[in-house]
Amino acid sequence: RALCEEFASHFTAQKWKPKMVASLNAINQGMKDKLREYAERFPKRLSK
């Protein structure tokens, strides 16, 4: 059972991590955006 969980967690993490990092790096603050509005986009992007 432990081997199965280790295997699944290893490959699951490898699968979504690059996509998540690229997605977060794509969030930009617009010229008229307040810092709070900009910061609120991160959790929204992570929940997708």
Protein backbone atom coordinates (compact mmCIF):
# COMPACT_ATOMS: atom_id res chain seq x y z
CA ARG A 1 0.00 0.00 0.00
CA ALA A 2 2.77 2.45 0.87
CA LEU A 3 4.53 1.75 -2.42
CA CYS A 4 1.30 2.41 -4.32
CA GLU A 5 0.78 5.74 -2.54
CA GLU A 6 4.40 6.76 -3.07
CA PHE A 7 4.20 5.90 -6.76
CA ALA A 8 0.94 7.81 -7.25
CA SER A 9 2.11 10.89 -5.36
CA HIS A 10 5.38 11.02 -7.30
CA PHE A 11 3.80 10.93 -10.72
CA THR A 12 0.83 13.10 -9.81
CA ALA A 13 3.14 15.84 -8.56
CA GLN A 14 5.24 15.63 -11.70
CA LYS A 15 2.17 15.97 -13.86
CA TRP A 16 0.64 19.20 -12.54
CA LYS A 17 3.58 21.14 -11.16
CA PRO A 18 4.97 22.60 -14.41
CA LYS A 19 1.49 23.56 -15.55
CA MET A 20 0.78 25.28 -12.24
CA VAL A 21 4.04 27.25 -12.27
CA ALA A 22 3.52 28.40 -15.84
CA SER A 23 -0.06 29.35 -15.03
CA LEU A 24 0.99 31.43 -12.03
CA ASN A 25 3.79 33.10 -13.98
CA ALA A 26 1.24 34.18 -16.58
CA ILE A 27 -0.67 36.32 -14.07
CA ASN A 28 0.19 39.95 -14.69
CA GLN A 29 -0.73 43.10 -12.83
CA GLY A 30 -2.42 45.59 -15.11
CA MET A 31 -1.58 49.28 -15.03
CA LYS A 32 -4.85 50.11 -13.25
CA ASP A 33 -5.06 46.98 -11.09
CA LYS A 34 -4.73 47.40 -7.37
CA LEU A 35 -2.26 45.14 -5.60
CA ARG A 36 -5.10 43.39 -3.78
CA GLU A 37 -6.88 42.57 -7.07
CA TYR A 38 -3.63 41.22 -8.48
CA ALA A 39 -2.93 39.09 -5.41
CA GLU A 40 -6.47 37.68 -5.39
CA ARG A 41 -5.91 36.11 -8.82
CA PHE A 42 -3.40 33.56 -7.47
CA PRO A 43 -5.79 31.46 -5.35
CA LYS A 44 -8.38 31.61 -8.12
CA ARG A 45 -5.84 30.24 -10.61
CA LEU A 46 -4.74 27.50 -8.21
CA SER A 47 -8.31 26.31 -7.71
CA LYS A 48 -8.79 25.67 -11.44
